[in-house]
Amino acid sequence: MGVIKVWPRVILLLGIAFAGVALEPRVAAQAPPVQQPQAFQRLHLTTGRSMVLMPDFDVTRIAITNPAVADATVVQPREILIDGKAPGTISLIVWGADQRVQYDVVVEQPVAALEQQLRQLFPGEEIQVAVNADAIVLSGRVSSTQVMLRAAEIARASAPKGNVINMLQVPGAIDAQQVMLQVRFAEVNRRALLELGASIFTGSAGYRNWIARGTTQQFPSAEFSGDFASNEVVLSDFLNIFLFNTNFNIGTVIRALRQTGYFQSLAEPNLLAYNGREASFLAGGEFPVPFSSGLGAVSIQFREFGVRLNFTPTIAGDLIRLRVRPEVSSLDFNNGILLEGFRIPALTMRRAETEVELRDGQSFAIAGLIDNESQTDTAAVPILSQLPIIGNLFKSKAERQERTELLVLITPRLVRPLNPDEVPPLPTLPGQFLPPGDDIGQQLEGGGGVVDGPRSGG
């Protein structure tokens, strides 16, 4: 009886198992396929513009995902008005009586008036303009450096208070964004000085009861002391030639001097600046200028002088546009002022400002900054200076001529930083900087210092 009862159960379980194996491929075959994203028709329009969509069926209902980007209105059973409001992409779904259609509405940024103007001025150039509240961005590719620079100038003129970021690419452009400026200043000063004058005098005791002195007051002469009995004469300056005869008690001082000068001042700075950023250089110093700060208090403010250079590079493809401003100033005490006991000098200044375009390694020179000065002072004693031969003793003359010329030579170069493996080794001495045995401790008796620390290299 037990065997008869078991077999039906076994047969039933085996039948269920075979049925599951048979049904498993059929269930797998009935699994739905993976749906691919469906591509919908795209509708393109510009911000601030409208378009009319005309489906081929009567519209019963529409839906739009973001009304802030675009809005849609059914104006006729088969006409839908779409208005673009802001850049973006949204979905538009249209229902009919027995069908449904979906669209992708793409609202694009409108073409700026500046971009339209650039396309008219430079036909065939790929220039895109992006305008925002802070800057104007120029992008694309142009055929030459001149087109790149002119497009940037037009953009700056259209927005004087905005920033213009020029990202236009030129064929053969260099990736370097740093400029090194090699500058050489040369100042040549030629000076010629001629002074001629004479002064005749007698001693305080005079000659044969005569006491005399003749001078034009242009150069210092002899002065008599208050006591004539002492027979003393005070000479503040012997000038160039001094003659005195003790027998006749007569003397003369002569000023006959010729000076020539030649001076050359050089400065050769190398400045490194980033594209579009200003760099400056100053080789000189500062001098104090006192000024009243109120209630009798005097404050000091320092002013700079010397050789100065300011420049701003702009890399435009394979060209470098430079805005340079060289300046050379020096102290001039002759034209200074005296303020509250302080001697404040004036400044003699020569300055130039220009904008040029160069390629990497090319040079340009700024010259012709010439300052010519000529001064002649004459003095003469009336009547006596007109006498023949001896009249020259009663004349004096001083001539001064000075010429200063400034030359500035500038060479821009495109540079890039060196990688660690490209840095050249620094020069080093072959031996030790200080030879062993010169330590103070080793010079003391008992070898002080040797015990306190280990030997070098030990």
Protein backbone atom coordinates (compact mmCIF):
# COMPACT_ATOMS: atom_id res chain seq x y z
CA MET A 1 0.00 0.00 0.00
CA GLY A 2 2.81 2.41 0.81
CA VAL A 3 4.43 1.96 -2.59
CA ILE A 4 1.20 2.66 -4.43
CA LYS A 5 0.75 5.94 -2.53
CA VAL A 6 4.26 7.27 -3.20
CA TRP A 7 4.38 6.86 -6.95
CA PRO A 8 1.54 9.24 -7.80
CA ARG A 9 3.27 11.97 -5.81
CA VAL A 10 6.56 11.38 -7.59
CA ILE A 11 4.87 11.37 -10.94
CA LEU A 12 3.05 14.58 -10.05
CA LEU A 13 6.25 16.36 -9.00
CA LEU A 14 8.09 15.23 -12.11
CA GLY A 15 5.24 16.47 -14.26
CA ILE A 16 5.32 19.86 -12.64
CA ALA A 17 9.09 20.06 -13.10
CA PHE A 18 8.89 19.15 -16.79
CA ALA A 19 6.09 21.63 -17.23
CA GLY A 20 8.23 24.39 -15.66
CA VAL A 21 11.16 23.54 -17.95
CA ALA A 22 8.87 23.61 -20.95
CA LEU A 23 7.22 26.87 -19.97
CA GLU A 24 10.46 28.76 -19.09
CA PRO A 25 11.63 29.38 -22.70
CA ARG A 26 8.13 30.43 -23.65
CA VAL A 27 8.02 33.08 -20.85
CA ALA A 28 11.45 34.39 -21.83
CA ALA A 29 10.37 34.69 -25.43
CA GLN A 30 7.35 36.77 -24.41
CA ALA A 31 9.50 39.45 -22.48
CA PRO A 32 9.01 42.96 -24.03
CA PRO A 33 12.05 44.44 -25.84
CA VAL A 34 13.97 47.42 -24.38
CA GLN A 35 12.50 50.62 -25.76
CA GLN A 36 14.97 53.03 -27.39
CA PRO A 37 14.52 56.76 -26.75
CA GLN A 38 12.31 58.11 -29.45
CA ALA A 39 13.59 61.09 -31.46
CA PHE A 40 10.98 63.80 -31.71
CA GLN A 41 10.75 66.50 -34.28
CA ARG A 42 12.63 69.66 -33.27
CA LEU A 43 11.19 73.14 -33.52
CA HIS A 44 13.81 75.91 -33.49
CA LEU A 45 13.08 79.52 -32.65
CA THR A 46 14.88 82.49 -31.12
CA THR A 47 14.24 84.28 -27.86
CA GLY A 48 11.74 87.05 -28.42
CA ARG A 49 10.45 85.51 -31.69
CA SER A 50 7.29 83.48 -32.49
CA MET A 51 6.34 80.71 -34.89
CA VAL A 52 3.11 78.99 -35.98
CA LEU A 53 2.87 75.19 -35.85
CA MET A 54 0.26 73.67 -38.26
CA PRO A 55 -0.50 69.97 -37.52
CA ASP A 56 -2.55 67.91 -40.04
CA PHE A 57 -5.34 67.20 -37.55
CA ASP A 58 -7.68 69.17 -35.32
CA VAL A 59 -6.07 69.97 -31.97
CA THR A 60 -8.10 69.12 -28.90
CA ARG A 61 -5.49 69.69 -26.16
CA ILE A 62 -1.80 70.76 -25.73
CA ALA A 63 0.75 70.58 -22.91
CA ILE A 64 4.14 72.32 -22.51
CA THR A 65 6.77 71.46 -19.89
CA ASN A 66 8.19 74.91 -18.98
CA PRO A 67 6.19 78.03 -19.88
CA ALA A 68 9.16 80.20 -18.78
CA VAL A 69 11.15 78.97 -21.80
CA ALA A 70 8.34 78.95 -24.38
CA ASP A 71 4.59 79.35 -24.35
CA ALA A 72 2.04 77.80 -26.75
CA THR A 73 -1.54 78.86 -27.59
CA VAL A 74 -4.11 77.21 -29.88
CA VAL A 75 -5.42 79.97 -32.14
CA GLN A 76 -7.17 77.75 -34.74
CA PRO A 77 -8.14 74.05 -34.71
CA ARG A 78 -5.04 73.38 -36.78
CA GLU A 79 -2.78 76.30 -35.74
CA ILE A 80 -0.61 76.60 -32.60
CA LEU A 81 1.26 79.85 -31.80
CA ILE A 82 4.59 79.28 -30.00
CA ASP A 83 6.43 82.21 -28.34
CA GLY A 84 10.12 81.93 -27.34
CA LYS A 85 10.91 83.52 -23.97
CA ALA A 86 14.29 82.25 -22.74
CA PRO A 87 17.06 79.97 -24.04
CA GLY A 88 16.41 76.28 -23.37
CA THR A 89 14.85 73.06 -24.66
CA ILE A 90 11.37 71.89 -23.62
CA SER A 91 8.69 69.41 -24.81
CA LEU A 92 5.39 70.23 -26.52
CA ILE A 93 2.67 67.53 -26.67
CA VAL A 94 -0.33 67.94 -28.99
CA TRP A 95 -3.46 65.74 -28.80
CA GLY A 96 -6.06 65.23 -31.49
CA ALA A 97 -9.25 63.22 -31.56
CA ASP A 98 -7.48 59.90 -32.09
CA GLN A 99 -3.73 60.67 -32.11
CA ARG A 100 -0.93 62.36 -30.20
CA VAL A 101 2.26 64.08 -31.41
CA GLN A 102 5.27 65.30 -29.36
CA TYR A 103 7.84 67.99 -30.31
CA ASP A 104 11.14 69.29 -28.90
CA VAL A 105 11.04 73.06 -28.80
CA VAL A 106 14.57 74.55 -28.86
CA VAL A 107 14.77 78.23 -27.95
CA GLU A 108 18.17 79.73 -28.86
CA GLN A 109 19.93 82.90 -27.83
CA PRO A 110 19.30 85.65 -30.38
CA VAL A 111 22.17 86.77 -32.58
CA ALA A 112 23.51 89.97 -31.04
CA ALA A 113 23.59 93.16 -33.06
CA LEU A 114 27.37 93.18 -32.61
CA GLU A 115 27.66 89.74 -34.23
CA GLN A 116 25.53 90.84 -37.15
CA GLN A 117 27.72 93.90 -37.59
CA LEU A 118 30.91 91.81 -37.48
CA ARG A 119 29.52 89.38 -40.05
CA GLN A 120 28.75 92.29 -42.37
CA LEU A 121 32.19 93.88 -41.92
CA PHE A 122 34.11 90.59 -42.15
CA PRO A 123 32.20 88.26 -44.49
CA GLY A 124 33.37 84.67 -44.48
CA GLU A 125 34.86 84.87 -40.97
CA GLU A 126 33.63 82.56 -38.21
CA ILE A 127 32.98 85.04 -35.42
CA GLN A 128 30.58 84.30 -32.59
CA VAL A 129 29.60 86.85 -29.96
CA ALA A 130 28.34 86.01 -26.47
CA VAL A 131 27.03 88.98 -24.51
CA ASN A 132 26.31 88.98 -20.81
CA ALA A 133 26.09 91.58 -18.07
CA ASP A 134 29.84 91.62 -17.36
CA ALA A 135 31.70 91.00 -20.60
CA ILE A 136 31.60 90.42 -24.34
CA VAL A 137 33.21 87.14 -25.48
CA LEU A 138 34.46 86.78 -29.04
CA SER A 139 35.06 83.21 -30.20
CA GLY A 140 35.63 81.36 -33.45
CA ARG A 141 38.34 81.34 -36.11
CA VAL A 142 39.49 84.17 -38.35
CA SER A 143 41.88 84.26 -41.28
CA SER A 144 44.40 86.86 -40.07
CA THR A 145 45.65 88.75 -37.07
CA GLN A 146 44.35 92.05 -38.43
CA VAL A 147 40.78 90.73 -38.50
CA MET A 148 41.23 89.51 -34.92
CA LEU A 149 42.43 92.90 -33.69
CA ARG A 150 39.86 94.93 -35.62
CA ALA A 151 37.01 92.75 -34.34
CA ALA A 152 38.17 93.33 -30.76
CA GLU A 153 38.40 97.09 -31.35
CA ILE A 154 34.84 97.18 -32.70
CA ALA A 155 33.63 95.20 -29.69
CA ARG A 156 35.33 97.64 -27.28
CA ALA A 157 33.81 100.59 -29.10
CA SER A 158 30.32 99.08 -28.85
CA ALA A 159 30.66 98.66 -25.06
CA PRO A 160 33.14 101.23 -23.68
CA LYS A 161 32.42 100.25 -20.07
CA GLY A 162 32.41 96.49 -20.60
CA ASN A 163 35.20 93.95 -20.72
CA VAL A 164 36.04 92.30 -24.04
CA ILE A 165 37.47 88.77 -23.95
CA ASN A 166 39.05 88.00 -27.29
CA MET A 167 39.20 84.23 -27.88
CA LEU A 168 39.40 84.36 -31.66
CA GLN A 169 41.89 81.88 -33.07
CA VAL A 170 44.33 82.66 -35.86
CA PRO A 171 46.18 80.10 -38.02
CA GLY A 172 49.73 79.67 -36.75
CA ALA A 173 49.00 81.27 -33.39
CA ILE A 174 51.34 80.67 -30.46
CA ASP A 175 50.06 79.25 -27.17
CA ALA A 176 52.35 81.44 -25.04
CA GLN A 177 50.50 83.94 -22.88
CA GLN A 178 53.47 85.70 -21.26
CA VAL A 179 55.68 88.40 -22.72
CA MET A 180 59.19 89.29 -21.62
CA LEU A 181 60.24 92.81 -22.52
CA GLN A 182 63.94 93.54 -22.90
CA VAL A 183 64.49 97.28 -22.51
CA ARG A 184 67.67 99.32 -22.85
CA PHE A 185 67.82 102.95 -21.75
CA ALA A 186 70.68 105.19 -22.86
CA GLU A 187 71.02 108.83 -21.87
CA VAL A 188 73.81 110.93 -23.36
CA ASN A 189 74.64 114.31 -21.84
CA ARG A 190 77.05 116.66 -23.58
CA ARG A 191 78.07 119.78 -21.69
CA ALA A 192 80.40 122.68 -22.59
CA LEU A 193 81.24 125.50 -20.20
CA LEU A 194 83.38 128.58 -20.92
CA GLU A 195 84.10 131.25 -18.31
CA LEU A 196 86.39 134.23 -18.78
CA GLY A 197 86.92 137.20 -16.49
CA ALA A 198 89.61 139.19 -14.60
CA SER A 199 89.74 141.35 -11.52
CA ILE A 200 92.56 143.86 -10.70
CA PHE A 201 93.20 145.04 -7.18
CA THR A 202 95.88 146.59 -5.01
CA GLY A 203 96.83 145.79 -1.50
CA SER A 204 95.15 147.57 1.39
CA ALA A 205 98.16 149.91 1.59
CA GLY A 206 97.78 150.75 -2.08
CA TYR A 207 100.40 151.72 -4.66
CA ARG A 208 101.84 155.21 -4.45
CA ASN A 209 98.96 156.29 -2.26
CA TRP A 210 96.41 154.72 -4.64
CA ILE A 211 94.02 151.96 -3.58
CA ALA A 212 92.00 150.40 -6.42
CA ARG A 213 89.92 147.38 -7.37
CA GLY A 214 88.15 146.57 -10.59
CA THR A 215 85.56 143.80 -11.05
CA THR A 216 82.39 143.03 -13.00
CA GLN A 217 80.82 141.34 -9.96
CA GLN A 218 80.20 138.22 -12.04
CA PHE A 219 82.98 136.34 -10.32
CA PRO A 220 84.22 136.86 -6.74
CA SER A 221 87.08 139.30 -6.36
CA ALA A 222 89.45 140.45 -3.62
CA GLU A 223 88.03 142.36 -0.67
CA PHE A 224 89.86 144.74 1.62
CA SER A 225 89.81 144.23 5.35
CA GLY A 226 88.47 146.90 7.64
CA ASP A 227 91.93 147.86 8.96
CA PHE A 228 94.04 149.30 6.13
CA ALA A 229 97.05 149.55 8.40
CA SER A 230 97.24 145.75 8.58
CA ASN A 231 97.65 145.63 4.81
CA GLU A 232 95.36 142.60 4.55
CA VAL A 233 93.32 141.51 1.53
CA VAL A 234 90.67 138.80 1.78
CA LEU A 235 90.32 136.51 -1.25
CA SER A 236 87.23 134.31 -1.25
CA ASP A 237 88.27 132.60 -4.48
CA PHE A 238 91.63 132.62 -6.26
CA LEU A 239 89.81 131.65 -9.47
CA ASN A 240 92.16 130.01 -11.98
CA ILE A 241 95.09 132.42 -12.12
CA PHE A 242 96.32 134.55 -9.25
CA LEU A 243 99.10 137.13 -9.65
CA PHE A 244 100.44 139.56 -7.05
CA ASN A 245 103.50 141.81 -7.13
CA THR A 246 104.78 142.56 -3.65
CA ASN A 247 107.00 145.44 -4.84
CA PHE A 248 104.17 147.36 -6.45
CA ASN A 249 101.51 145.86 -4.14
CA ILE A 250 99.28 145.13 -7.19
CA GLY A 251 97.56 141.84 -7.99
CA THR A 252 95.01 140.30 -10.29
CA VAL A 253 92.82 137.18 -10.33
CA ILE A 254 91.79 135.70 -13.68
CA ARG A 255 88.92 133.35 -14.41
CA ALA A 256 89.70 131.41 -17.59
CA LEU A 257 87.98 128.00 -17.59
CA ARG A 258 86.68 125.60 -20.22
CA GLN A 259 84.79 122.44 -19.26
CA THR A 260 83.40 119.66 -21.38
CA GLY A 261 81.39 116.70 -20.16
CA TYR A 262 80.05 113.44 -21.52
CA PHE A 263 77.71 111.32 -19.47
CA GLN A 264 75.91 108.09 -20.34
CA SER A 265 73.42 106.39 -18.05
CA LEU A 266 72.24 102.88 -18.90
CA ALA A 267 69.48 100.72 -17.52
CA GLU A 268 68.64 97.30 -18.97
CA PRO A 269 65.59 95.86 -17.21
CA ASN A 270 63.84 92.65 -18.24
CA LEU A 271 60.14 92.63 -17.41
CA LEU A 272 57.70 89.72 -17.57
CA ALA A 273 53.97 90.34 -17.94
CA TYR A 274 50.86 88.27 -18.60
CA ASN A 275 48.77 88.84 -21.69
CA GLY A 276 46.71 91.99 -21.23
CA ARG A 277 48.21 92.88 -17.81
CA GLU A 278 50.36 95.91 -17.07
CA ALA A 279 53.93 95.67 -15.76
CA SER A 280 56.14 98.48 -14.46
CA PHE A 281 59.81 99.05 -13.70
CA LEU A 282 61.59 101.81 -11.76
CA ALA A 283 65.32 102.32 -11.34
CA GLY A 284 65.84 105.40 -9.23
CA GLY A 285 64.67 106.46 -5.83
CA GLU A 286 62.36 108.68 -3.81
CA PHE A 287 62.85 112.14 -2.37
CA PRO A 288 60.89 113.59 0.57
CA VAL A 289 58.39 116.38 0.05
CA PRO A 290 57.08 118.08 3.23
CA PHE A 291 53.54 119.39 3.36
CA SER A 292 51.37 120.82 6.08
CA SER A 293 48.79 118.48 7.53
CA GLY A 294 47.10 121.13 9.70
CA LEU A 295 47.66 122.72 13.13
CA GLY A 296 51.33 123.35 12.42
CA ALA A 297 52.13 119.68 11.82
CA VAL A 298 54.38 118.82 8.90
CA SER A 299 54.14 115.47 7.16
CA ILE A 300 56.51 113.90 4.65
CA GLN A 301 55.45 112.37 1.38
CA PHE A 302 57.91 110.64 -0.93
CA ARG A 303 57.91 111.12 -4.71
CA GLU A 304 59.58 108.75 -7.14
CA PHE A 305 62.16 109.66 -9.76
CA GLY A 306 64.54 107.82 -12.06
CA VAL A 307 64.09 105.51 -15.04
CA ARG A 308 60.54 104.16 -15.27
CA LEU A 309 58.79 101.94 -17.76
CA ASN A 310 55.14 100.88 -17.90
CA PHE A 311 53.93 98.51 -20.61
CA THR A 312 50.86 96.43 -21.40
CA PRO A 313 51.25 93.54 -23.89
CA THR A 314 48.43 92.08 -25.97
CA ILE A 315 49.15 88.82 -27.79
CA ALA A 316 47.26 88.75 -31.07
CA GLY A 317 48.06 85.53 -32.87
CA ASP A 318 51.68 85.77 -33.99
CA LEU A 319 51.87 89.51 -33.21
CA ILE A 320 52.51 91.33 -29.95
CA ARG A 321 50.79 94.66 -29.49
CA LEU A 322 52.59 96.82 -26.93
CA ARG A 323 51.46 99.93 -25.15
CA VAL A 324 54.66 101.36 -23.66
CA ARG A 325 55.35 104.45 -21.57
CA PRO A 326 59.06 105.09 -20.86
CA GLU A 327 60.02 107.95 -18.56
CA VAL A 328 63.29 109.38 -17.29
CA SER A 329 63.31 111.97 -14.51
CA SER A 330 66.06 113.56 -12.43
CA LEU A 331 66.27 116.01 -9.56
CA ASP A 332 66.70 119.68 -10.45
CA PHE A 333 67.79 121.74 -7.44
CA ASN A 334 68.26 124.91 -9.50
CA ASN A 335 64.53 125.19 -10.13
CA GLY A 336 63.52 123.93 -6.68
CA ILE A 337 61.78 125.88 -3.94
CA LEU A 338 62.50 126.59 -0.30
CA LEU A 339 59.56 125.67 1.94
CA GLU A 340 59.70 125.99 5.72
CA GLY A 341 63.44 125.52 5.71
CA PHE A 342 63.35 122.50 3.40
CA ARG A 343 64.95 122.60 -0.03
CA ILE A 344 62.52 120.82 -2.36
CA PRO A 345 63.96 120.03 -5.79
CA ALA A 346 62.06 120.11 -9.04
CA LEU A 347 61.95 117.23 -11.52
CA THR A 348 63.42 117.28 -15.01
CA MET A 349 61.32 114.76 -16.89
CA ARG A 350 61.29 113.19 -20.34
CA ARG A 351 58.40 110.92 -21.18
CA ALA A 352 56.98 109.13 -24.21
CA GLU A 353 53.88 107.00 -24.74
CA THR A 354 53.12 104.93 -27.81
CA GLU A 355 51.51 101.73 -29.08
CA VAL A 356 53.25 99.43 -31.57
CA GLU A 357 52.92 95.95 -33.06
CA LEU A 358 55.88 93.59 -33.27
CA ARG A 359 56.62 89.94 -33.77
CA ASP A 360 58.58 87.80 -31.37
CA GLY A 361 62.19 89.06 -31.21
CA GLN A 362 61.70 92.22 -33.24
CA SER A 363 62.87 95.56 -31.80
CA PHE A 364 61.90 99.19 -32.01
CA ALA A 365 63.63 102.32 -30.76
CA ILE A 366 62.29 105.54 -29.31
CA ALA A 367 64.74 108.37 -29.93
CA GLY A 368 64.72 112.09 -30.54
CA LEU A 369 63.97 113.01 -26.92
CA ILE A 370 66.52 115.82 -27.05
CA ASP A 371 66.81 118.65 -24.56
CA ASN A 372 69.02 121.54 -25.65
CA GLU A 373 70.01 124.34 -23.28
CA SER A 374 72.22 127.31 -24.12
CA GLN A 375 72.94 130.21 -21.79
CA THR A 376 75.33 133.15 -22.14
CA ASP A 377 75.98 135.72 -19.39
CA THR A 378 78.20 138.76 -19.98
CA ALA A 379 79.18 141.62 -17.72
CA ALA A 380 81.36 144.69 -18.35
CA VAL A 381 82.40 147.91 -16.68
CA PRO A 382 81.13 150.90 -18.70
CA ILE A 383 83.69 152.99 -20.60
CA LEU A 384 86.67 151.04 -19.25
CA SER A 385 85.54 147.86 -21.05
CA GLN A 386 85.58 149.76 -24.35
CA LEU A 387 89.25 150.74 -24.13
CA PRO A 388 91.52 148.89 -26.57
CA ILE A 389 93.63 146.06 -25.22
CA ILE A 390 93.12 146.74 -21.51
CA GLY A 391 89.32 146.83 -21.96
CA ASN A 392 89.21 143.06 -21.79
CA LEU A 393 90.31 143.26 -18.17
CA PHE A 394 87.01 144.91 -17.37
CA LYS A 395 84.84 142.32 -19.10
CA SER A 396 83.63 138.86 -18.04
CA LYS A 397 81.75 136.20 -19.89
CA ALA A 398 80.19 132.83 -19.05
CA GLU A 399 78.79 130.47 -21.71
CA ARG A 400 76.98 127.24 -20.90
CA GLN A 401 75.69 124.74 -23.45
CA GLU A 402 74.11 121.40 -22.58
CA ARG A 403 72.46 118.76 -24.72
CA THR A 404 70.72 115.66 -23.38
CA GLU A 405 69.38 112.87 -25.59
CA LEU A 406 67.39 109.82 -24.48
CA LEU A 407 67.27 106.54 -26.41
CA VAL A 408 64.96 103.62 -25.54
CA LEU A 409 65.35 100.26 -27.33
CA ILE A 410 62.61 97.67 -26.67
CA THR A 411 62.45 94.00 -27.72
CA PRO A 412 59.42 91.81 -26.80
CA ARG A 413 59.69 88.01 -26.60
CA LEU A 414 57.10 85.31 -26.05
CA VAL A 415 58.14 83.06 -23.18
CA ARG A 416 56.85 80.07 -21.27
CA PRO A 417 57.87 78.69 -17.86
CA LEU A 418 60.47 75.95 -17.63
CA ASN A 419 59.61 72.48 -16.46
CA PRO A 420 61.67 71.06 -13.56
CA ASP A 421 63.74 68.93 -15.94
CA GLU A 422 64.48 71.94 -18.15
CA VAL A 423 65.98 74.19 -15.47
CA PRO A 424 69.74 74.53 -16.10
CA PRO A 425 72.07 73.83 -13.18
CA LEU A 426 73.36 76.83 -11.29
CA PRO A 427 77.10 77.54 -11.43
CA THR A 428 78.94 76.18 -8.41
CA LEU A 429 82.49 76.40 -7.15
CA PRO A 430 84.61 73.30 -7.68
CA GLY A 431 85.77 73.28 -4.07
CA GLN A 432 84.55 74.26 -0.65
CA PHE A 433 83.63 77.87 -0.08
CA LEU A 434 85.77 78.04 3.07
CA PRO A 435 88.81 75.80 3.35
CA PRO A 436 88.98 73.58 6.46
CA GLY A 437 90.99 74.81 9.39
CA ASP A 438 89.81 78.43 9.31
CA ASP A 439 87.18 77.97 11.99
CA ILE A 440 87.58 80.11 15.06
CA GLY A 441 87.31 77.09 17.29
CA GLN A 442 90.26 75.41 15.61
CA GLN A 443 92.39 78.51 16.15
CA LEU A 444 91.93 78.33 19.93
CA GLU A 445 94.38 76.48 22.09
CA GLY A 446 93.20 73.05 23.08
CA GLY A 447 91.31 72.53 19.83
CA GLY A 448 88.09 74.18 21.02
CA GLY A 449 85.24 73.64 18.63
CA VAL A 450 86.59 70.33 17.28
CA VAL A 451 85.28 68.38 20.25
CA ASP A 452 81.91 70.13 20.24
CA GLY A 453 80.85 68.89 16.84
CA PRO A 454 81.77 66.22 14.30
CA ARG A 455 84.19 66.92 11.52
CA SER A 456 82.82 67.95 8.17
CA GLY A 457 82.02 64.89 6.08
CA GLY A 458 82.57 62.58 9.03
